[in-house]
């Protein structure tokens, strides 16, 4: 276990012990205060009994009152009381003494209550901070393990394909057509690994805040058409039809490179989803709404569960797929697209009616007339 984690756990246990100690201290002080007031009242009750004995011994009430100033003495003596009096003079604890005892008890109890609440609140904040740090570290460790497993798996396939192609070319005399096929395969494998490395670097830069965007007015139809033209061959190969309907006068305020990455990643995700169903369509359109432009990408692909909509933009996440992903990829494309959309003052959202029901990704950007 890492030293930092041991320290965090030890600190958490120490704070929990402190919470228990503060709770015990508050309870003990409460009991002590109540007991102290009870004992003081018992002493005054003994003084009342003593005063009654003095009065019975014909000691004047005034003298008794001077001897015991905390008592109230009514009556002159214990002999021949008037018809309206009791058999002996009435002696009681003075009202001011009762009020003082009650005030002392309430003040102490309030003091200990506020002090204990303050200490418990402070310790509770410490527990929350340490617990959050432990959870964050656990999540980081899990993400690191997932990242290593995922990257090693995703790189293993193109590396194995490259090795096989090179070994084939080394041990056999191939025709020009066969050599061309193997070369194209190796170039595709290298392009796949380059794309994965670029995604990893982009994700790290975004996480560390090392991306500076410069927004400027852009013509949305042209920006989208450039990305679509670069993906048309892949779409035809997978029997996918891409339809683009964006008015030519639609302008947005965005960073050119960031917008290109967002649109490309969303389209590549749509292509993978539709290819998994052996073909289909992708419709791209845009509309103006409340001073913004909403670029929608609708596909007829595999879709996703509705509860998965928010998790879809988390790093290393793909719907209904584990490490062995049939469509490949690291699960970073949508995460990068979402972060770049946010940094441009926009947003990227996704909705789906369910599995095998297709999906719609909507990119919101600032409108420029």
Protein backbone atom coordinates (compact mmCIF):
# COMPACT_ATOMS: atom_id res chain seq x y z
CA UNK A 1 0.00 0.00 0.00
CA UNK A 2 1.29 3.47 -0.87
CA UNK A 3 2.59 5.66 1.94
CA UNK A 4 0.10 8.42 1.11
CA UNK A 5 -2.81 6.00 1.35
CA UNK A 6 -1.54 4.65 4.69
CA UNK A 7 -1.30 8.22 5.97
CA UNK A 8 -4.82 9.02 4.78
CA UNK A 9 -6.29 5.93 6.43
CA UNK A 10 -4.40 6.62 9.66
CA UNK A 11 -5.58 10.23 9.65
CA UNK A 12 -9.16 9.11 9.00
CA UNK A 13 -9.06 6.67 11.93
CA UNK A 14 -7.53 9.36 14.16
CA UNK A 15 -10.28 11.81 13.29
CA UNK A 16 -12.96 9.17 13.92
CA UNK A 17 -11.45 8.48 17.36
CA UNK A 18 -11.46 12.24 17.99
CA UNK A 19 -15.16 12.39 17.08
CA UNK A 20 -15.92 9.63 19.58
CA UNK A 21 -13.83 11.43 22.20
CA UNK A 22 -15.62 14.74 21.63
CA UNK A 23 -18.99 13.01 21.90
CA UNK A 24 -17.96 11.36 25.18
CA UNK A 25 -16.60 14.69 26.47
CA UNK A 26 -19.87 16.48 25.69
CA UNK A 27 -21.91 13.77 27.42
CA UNK A 28 -19.60 13.76 30.44
CA UNK A 29 -19.72 17.56 30.80
CA UNK A 30 -23.51 17.49 30.57
CA UNK A 31 -23.73 14.91 33.33
CA UNK A 32 -21.22 16.82 35.49
CA UNK A 33 -23.20 20.05 35.18
CA UNK A 34 -26.48 18.37 36.08
CA UNK A 35 -24.81 16.60 39.00
CA UNK A 36 -23.23 19.84 40.26
CA UNK A 37 -26.56 21.68 40.28
CA UNK A 38 -28.22 18.71 41.99
CA UNK A 39 -25.59 18.74 44.75
CA UNK A 40 -25.97 22.48 45.26
CA UNK A 41 -29.71 22.10 45.61
CA UNK A 42 -29.11 19.30 48.11
CA UNK A 43 -26.90 21.62 50.18
CA UNK A 44 -29.58 24.30 50.19
CA UNK A 45 -32.17 21.75 51.25
CA UNK A 46 -29.94 20.88 54.21
CA UNK A 47 -29.70 24.59 55.04
CA UNK A 48 -33.51 24.76 54.97
CA UNK A 49 -33.69 21.94 57.50
CA UNK A 50 -31.09 23.67 59.69
CA UNK A 51 -33.00 26.95 59.53
CA UNK A 52 -36.18 25.22 60.61
CA UNK A 53 -34.35 23.74 63.61
CA UNK A 54 -33.00 27.17 64.58
CA UNK A 55 -36.46 28.66 64.44
CA UNK A 56 -37.80 25.87 66.57
CA UNK A 57 -35.07 26.80 69.09
CA UNK A 58 -36.57 30.34 69.27
CA UNK A 59 -33.76 31.91 67.22
CA UNK A 60 -35.19 35.07 65.63
CA UNK A 61 -36.02 34.81 61.94
CA UNK A 62 -33.90 37.89 61.17
CA UNK A 63 -30.83 36.26 62.69
CA UNK A 64 -31.49 33.03 60.82
CA UNK A 65 -31.77 34.99 57.59
CA UNK A 66 -28.42 36.67 58.31
CA UNK A 67 -26.75 33.34 59.09
CA UNK A 68 -28.18 31.67 55.99
CA UNK A 69 -28.49 34.41 53.35
CA UNK A 70 -29.49 32.01 50.60
CA UNK A 71 -32.82 31.22 52.29
CA UNK A 72 -36.13 33.02 52.59
CA UNK A 73 -37.47 32.91 56.20
CA UNK A 74 -41.09 33.83 56.95
CA UNK A 75 -42.51 33.95 60.50
CA UNK A 76 -41.12 35.07 63.89
CA UNK A 77 -40.86 31.76 65.73
CA UNK A 78 -42.10 28.27 65.90
CA UNK A 79 -44.31 28.98 68.96
CA UNK A 80 -47.94 30.04 68.80
CA UNK A 81 -48.31 30.54 65.11
CA UNK A 82 -51.23 32.53 63.80
CA UNK A 83 -54.33 30.80 62.54
CA UNK A 84 -53.37 31.24 58.92
CA UNK A 85 -49.80 29.92 59.32
CA UNK A 86 -48.56 26.38 59.26
CA UNK A 87 -47.35 24.54 62.35
CA UNK A 88 -43.84 25.95 61.85
CA UNK A 89 -42.36 28.96 60.05
CA UNK A 90 -41.90 28.47 56.32
CA UNK A 91 -38.32 28.36 55.15
CA UNK A 92 -37.40 27.99 51.47
CA UNK A 93 -34.54 28.59 49.10
CA UNK A 94 -34.49 32.18 47.89
CA UNK A 95 -35.89 32.77 44.42
CA UNK A 96 -32.67 34.49 43.31
CA UNK A 97 -30.73 31.37 44.31
CA UNK A 98 -33.04 29.12 42.29
CA UNK A 99 -32.71 31.44 39.30
CA UNK A 100 -28.92 31.54 39.66
CA UNK A 101 -28.72 27.74 39.78
CA UNK A 102 -30.99 27.39 36.76
CA UNK A 103 -29.04 30.06 34.84
CA UNK A 104 -25.71 28.43 35.65
CA UNK A 105 -26.97 25.05 34.49
CA UNK A 106 -28.41 26.41 31.23
CA UNK A 107 -25.31 28.48 30.43
CA UNK A 108 -22.96 25.55 30.96
CA UNK A 109 -25.13 23.18 28.96
CA UNK A 110 -25.36 25.68 26.08
CA UNK A 111 -21.60 26.28 26.20
CA UNK A 112 -20.78 22.57 26.01
CA UNK A 113 -23.41 22.02 23.32
CA UNK A 114 -22.01 24.76 21.06
CA UNK A 115 -18.41 23.68 21.64
CA UNK A 116 -19.19 20.05 20.90
CA UNK A 117 -21.17 20.98 17.76
CA UNK A 118 -18.26 23.12 16.51
CA UNK A 119 -15.67 20.41 17.12
CA UNK A 120 -17.89 17.72 15.59
CA UNK A 121 -18.51 19.91 12.54
CA UNK A 122 -14.79 20.55 12.08
CA UNK A 123 -13.98 16.87 12.49
CA UNK A 124 -16.81 15.97 10.13
CA UNK A 125 -15.32 18.25 7.48
CA UNK A 126 -11.95 16.54 7.99
CA UNK A 127 -13.57 13.12 7.60
CA UNK A 128 -15.34 14.23 4.41
CA UNK A 129 -12.12 15.62 2.92
CA UNK A 130 -10.08 12.53 3.78
CA UNK A 131 -12.84 10.20 2.57
CA UNK A 132 -13.09 12.11 -0.70
CA UNK A 133 -9.32 11.90 -1.13
CA UNK A 134 -9.42 8.14 -0.53
CA UNK A 135 -12.22 7.70 -3.06
CA UNK A 136 -10.43 9.88 -5.58
CA UNK A 137 -7.21 7.88 -5.17
CA UNK A 138 -9.13 4.62 -5.51
CA UNK A 139 -10.74 5.91 -8.68
CA UNK A 140 -7.36 6.99 -10.06
CA UNK A 141 -5.88 3.56 -9.33
CA UNK A 142 -8.83 1.86 -11.03
CA UNK A 143 -8.54 4.16 -14.03
CA UNK A 144 -4.81 3.48 -14.26
CA UNK A 145 -5.38 -0.27 -14.16
CA UNK A 146 -8.15 0.04 -16.76
CA UNK A 147 -5.98 2.28 -18.90
CA UNK A 148 -3.02 -0.11 -18.86
CA UNK A 149 -5.21 -3.11 -19.65
CA UNK A 150 -7.04 -1.24 -22.39
CA UNK A 151 -3.97 0.28 -24.04
CA UNK A 152 -2.04 -2.99 -23.97
CA UNK A 153 -4.99 -4.80 -25.54
CA UNK A 154 -5.67 -2.13 -28.19
CA UNK A 155 -2.01 -1.90 -29.21
CA UNK A 156 -1.53 -5.66 -29.22
CA UNK A 157 -3.80 -6.19 -32.24
CA UNK A 158 -2.16 -3.75 -34.70
CA UNK A 159 1.32 -4.74 -33.49
CA UNK A 160 0.55 -8.39 -34.10
CA UNK A 161 -0.83 -7.54 -37.54
CA UNK A 162 2.32 -5.53 -38.35
CA UNK A 163 4.56 -8.37 -37.22
CA UNK A 164 2.61 -10.91 -39.27
CA UNK A 165 2.74 -8.74 -42.40
CA UNK A 166 6.47 -8.11 -42.07
CA UNK A 167 7.22 -11.77 -41.42
CA UNK A 168 5.16 -12.71 -44.47
CA UNK A 169 7.08 -10.27 -46.65
CA UNK A 170 10.38 -11.49 -45.21
CA UNK A 171 9.92 -15.22 -45.79
CA UNK A 172 7.93 -15.23 -49.03
CA UNK A 173 8.33 -13.79 -52.48
CA UNK A 174 5.11 -11.86 -53.03
CA UNK A 175 3.53 -10.46 -56.12
CA UNK A 176 3.13 -6.69 -56.43
CA UNK A 177 -0.58 -7.00 -55.66
CA UNK A 178 0.06 -9.04 -52.51
CA UNK A 179 2.78 -6.64 -51.39
CA UNK A 180 0.45 -3.71 -51.96
CA UNK A 181 -2.24 -5.38 -49.84
CA UNK A 182 0.16 -6.01 -46.95
CA UNK A 183 1.58 -2.48 -47.19
CA UNK A 184 -1.92 -1.00 -47.06
CA UNK A 185 -2.69 -3.18 -44.04
CA UNK A 186 0.48 -2.03 -42.26
CA UNK A 187 -0.26 1.60 -43.03
CA UNK A 188 -3.76 1.17 -41.61
CA UNK A 189 -2.34 -0.43 -38.46
CA UNK A 190 0.15 2.41 -38.05
CA UNK A 191 -2.60 4.98 -38.60
CA UNK A 192 -4.71 3.27 -35.93
CA UNK A 193 -1.87 3.34 -33.39
CA UNK A 194 -1.07 6.97 -34.28
CA UNK A 195 -4.71 7.91 -33.70
CA UNK A 196 -4.74 6.16 -30.31
CA UNK A 197 -1.53 7.90 -29.24
CA UNK A 198 -2.95 11.27 -30.36
CA UNK A 199 -6.12 10.66 -28.35
CA UNK A 200 -4.13 9.78 -25.25
CA UNK A 201 -2.00 12.92 -25.58
CA UNK A 202 -5.05 15.10 -26.22
CA UNK A 203 -6.80 13.65 -23.16
CA UNK A 204 -3.76 14.33 -20.94
CA UNK A 205 -3.46 17.91 -22.20
CA UNK A 206 -7.15 18.53 -21.54
CA UNK A 207 -6.94 17.06 -18.04
CA UNK A 208 -3.95 19.28 -17.20
CA UNK A 209 -5.47 22.39 -18.76
CA UNK A 210 -2.75 22.77 -21.38
CA UNK A 211 -5.11 23.51 -24.27
CA UNK A 212 -5.58 27.13 -25.29
CA UNK A 213 -8.44 27.76 -27.72
CA UNK A 214 -8.94 30.82 -29.91
CA UNK A 215 -12.54 31.25 -30.99
CA UNK A 216 -13.28 32.93 -34.28
CA UNK A 217 -16.24 33.11 -36.70
CA UNK A 218 -16.49 29.95 -38.82
CA UNK A 219 -18.80 28.75 -41.56
CA UNK A 220 -20.26 25.55 -40.09
CA UNK A 221 -21.24 23.81 -43.36
CA UNK A 222 -17.71 24.04 -44.75
CA UNK A 223 -16.12 22.81 -41.50
CA UNK A 224 -18.41 19.78 -41.36
CA UNK A 225 -18.02 19.02 -45.09
CA UNK A 226 -14.23 18.85 -44.76
CA UNK A 227 -14.49 16.22 -42.04
CA UNK A 228 -17.15 14.24 -43.91
CA UNK A 229 -15.04 14.17 -47.10
CA UNK A 230 -12.16 12.59 -45.15
CA UNK A 231 -14.43 9.82 -43.82
CA UNK A 232 -16.38 9.05 -47.01
CA UNK A 233 -14.17 6.11 -48.05
CA UNK A 234 -14.62 4.46 -44.67
CA UNK A 235 -18.37 5.06 -44.85
CA UNK A 236 -18.67 3.49 -48.30
CA UNK A 237 -16.61 0.50 -47.18
CA UNK A 238 -19.01 -0.09 -44.27
CA UNK A 239 -22.13 0.55 -46.42
CA UNK A 240 -23.02 3.74 -44.56
CA UNK A 241 -24.75 6.72 -46.17
CA UNK A 242 -23.93 10.17 -44.75
CA UNK A 243 -26.49 12.94 -45.37
CA UNK A 244 -25.52 16.55 -44.63
CA UNK A 245 -28.12 19.35 -44.56
CA UNK A 246 -26.57 22.52 -43.11
CA UNK A 247 -27.51 25.98 -44.43
CA UNK A 248 -24.55 27.73 -46.00
CA UNK A 249 -25.16 30.94 -44.04
CA UNK A 250 -24.81 29.27 -40.63
CA UNK A 251 -21.89 30.78 -38.74
CA UNK A 252 -20.53 29.75 -35.36
CA UNK A 253 -17.95 31.12 -32.94
CA UNK A 254 -15.43 28.32 -32.36
CA UNK A 255 -11.79 27.28 -32.53
CA UNK A 256 -11.15 25.76 -35.99
CA UNK A 257 -8.96 22.88 -34.84
CA UNK A 258 -11.13 22.11 -31.81
CA UNK A 259 -14.30 22.12 -33.92
CA UNK A 260 -12.63 19.76 -36.40
CA UNK A 261 -11.71 17.35 -33.57
CA UNK A 262 -15.20 17.46 -32.04
CA UNK A 263 -17.00 16.81 -35.33
CA UNK A 264 -14.52 14.10 -36.34
CA UNK A 265 -14.78 12.23 -33.03
CA UNK A 266 -18.59 12.37 -33.04
CA UNK A 267 -18.72 11.16 -36.66
CA UNK A 268 -16.22 8.37 -36.04
CA UNK A 269 -18.30 7.24 -33.08
CA UNK A 270 -21.41 7.24 -35.29
CA UNK A 271 -19.60 5.32 -38.04
CA UNK A 272 -18.50 2.65 -35.53
CA UNK A 273 -22.04 2.37 -34.13
CA UNK A 274 -23.64 2.01 -37.57
CA UNK A 275 -20.93 -0.36 -38.86
CA UNK A 276 -21.72 -2.68 -35.94
CA UNK A 277 -25.18 -3.13 -37.50
CA UNK A 278 -23.75 -3.86 -40.97
CA UNK A 279 -24.62 -0.50 -42.45
CA UNK A 280 -27.16 2.28 -42.19
CA UNK A 281 -27.38 6.05 -42.35
CA UNK A 282 -25.98 9.10 -40.57
CA UNK A 283 -27.87 12.39 -40.87
CA UNK A 284 -26.18 15.70 -40.04
CA UNK A 285 -28.20 18.90 -39.78
CA UNK A 286 -28.10 22.22 -37.97
CA UNK A 287 -30.67 24.70 -36.67
CA UNK A 288 -30.68 27.99 -34.80
CA UNK A 289 -32.13 28.17 -31.30
CA UNK A 290 -31.89 30.92 -28.66
CA UNK A 291 -28.78 32.55 -30.05
CA UNK A 292 -27.02 29.21 -30.57
CA UNK A 293 -26.50 26.69 -33.32
CA UNK A 294 -27.40 23.07 -32.62
CA UNK A 295 -25.50 20.63 -34.83
CA UNK A 296 -27.17 17.21 -34.67
CA UNK A 297 -25.65 13.90 -35.76
CA UNK A 298 -28.30 11.15 -35.96
CA UNK A 299 -27.31 7.56 -36.67
CA UNK A 300 -29.11 4.23 -37.02
CA UNK A 301 -26.46 2.39 -35.04
CA UNK A 302 -26.44 0.26 -31.92
CA UNK A 303 -27.63 3.07 -29.62
CA UNK A 304 -27.24 2.85 -25.85
CA UNK A 305 -29.24 2.54 -22.67
CA UNK A 306 -30.76 5.85 -21.53
CA UNK A 307 -29.11 5.63 -18.10
CA UNK A 308 -25.76 5.48 -19.88
CA UNK A 309 -26.13 8.97 -21.43
CA UNK A 310 -23.99 10.79 -18.85
CA UNK A 311 -21.34 8.08 -18.51
CA UNK A 312 -20.85 8.03 -22.28
CA UNK A 313 -18.54 11.08 -22.08
CA UNK A 314 -16.32 9.64 -19.35
CA UNK A 315 -12.77 8.59 -20.38
CA UNK A 316 -12.22 4.95 -21.40
CA UNK A 317 -15.99 4.34 -21.62
CA UNK A 318 -17.98 2.69 -24.37
CA UNK A 319 -21.58 1.52 -24.23
CA UNK A 320 -22.12 -2.17 -23.54
CA UNK A 321 -18.48 -3.07 -24.22
CA UNK A 322 -15.60 -4.16 -22.07
CA UNK A 323 -11.88 -4.25 -22.67
CA UNK A 324 -12.31 -6.49 -25.72
CA UNK A 325 -14.14 -3.96 -27.86
CA UNK A 326 -15.20 -5.23 -31.25
CA UNK A 327 -15.00 -1.78 -32.81
CA UNK A 328 -11.66 -0.91 -31.24
CA UNK A 329 -10.79 2.43 -29.73
CA UNK A 330 -9.87 3.60 -26.27
CA UNK A 331 -13.16 5.23 -25.37
CA UNK A 332 -11.52 8.68 -25.38
CA UNK A 333 -13.09 10.22 -28.50
CA UNK A 334 -16.37 11.38 -26.97
CA UNK A 335 -14.62 12.45 -23.76
CA UNK A 336 -12.25 14.67 -25.72
CA UNK A 337 -15.10 16.03 -27.85
CA UNK A 338 -17.17 16.89 -24.78
CA UNK A 339 -14.26 18.70 -23.07
CA UNK A 340 -13.41 20.68 -26.21
CA UNK A 341 -17.06 21.63 -26.70
CA UNK A 342 -17.23 22.91 -23.12
CA UNK A 343 -13.99 24.88 -23.47
CA UNK A 344 -15.50 26.64 -26.51
CA UNK A 345 -18.50 27.73 -24.47
CA UNK A 346 -20.74 25.05 -25.93
CA UNK A 347 -21.97 21.62 -24.92
CA UNK A 348 -22.20 18.10 -26.31
CA UNK A 349 -25.14 15.87 -25.36
CA UNK A 350 -26.39 12.46 -26.42
CA UNK A 351 -29.80 10.76 -26.44
CA UNK A 352 -30.98 7.33 -27.51
CA UNK A 353 -34.26 5.44 -27.38
CA UNK A 354 -32.36 2.35 -26.25
CA UNK A 355 -30.14 -0.42 -27.54
CA UNK A 356 -30.31 -0.95 -31.31
CA UNK A 357 -32.44 2.21 -31.61
CA UNK A 358 -29.77 4.57 -32.90
CA UNK A 359 -28.50 7.71 -31.19
CA UNK A 360 -28.43 11.47 -31.62
CA UNK A 361 -25.47 13.63 -30.60
CA UNK A 362 -26.08 17.38 -30.39
CA UNK A 363 -23.31 19.98 -30.37
CA UNK A 364 -24.30 23.47 -29.19
CA UNK A 365 -22.15 26.41 -30.29
CA UNK A 366 -22.46 30.21 -30.19
CA UNK A 367 -24.22 31.68 -33.24
CA UNK A 368 -22.47 34.27 -35.43
CA UNK A 369 -24.50 36.19 -38.00
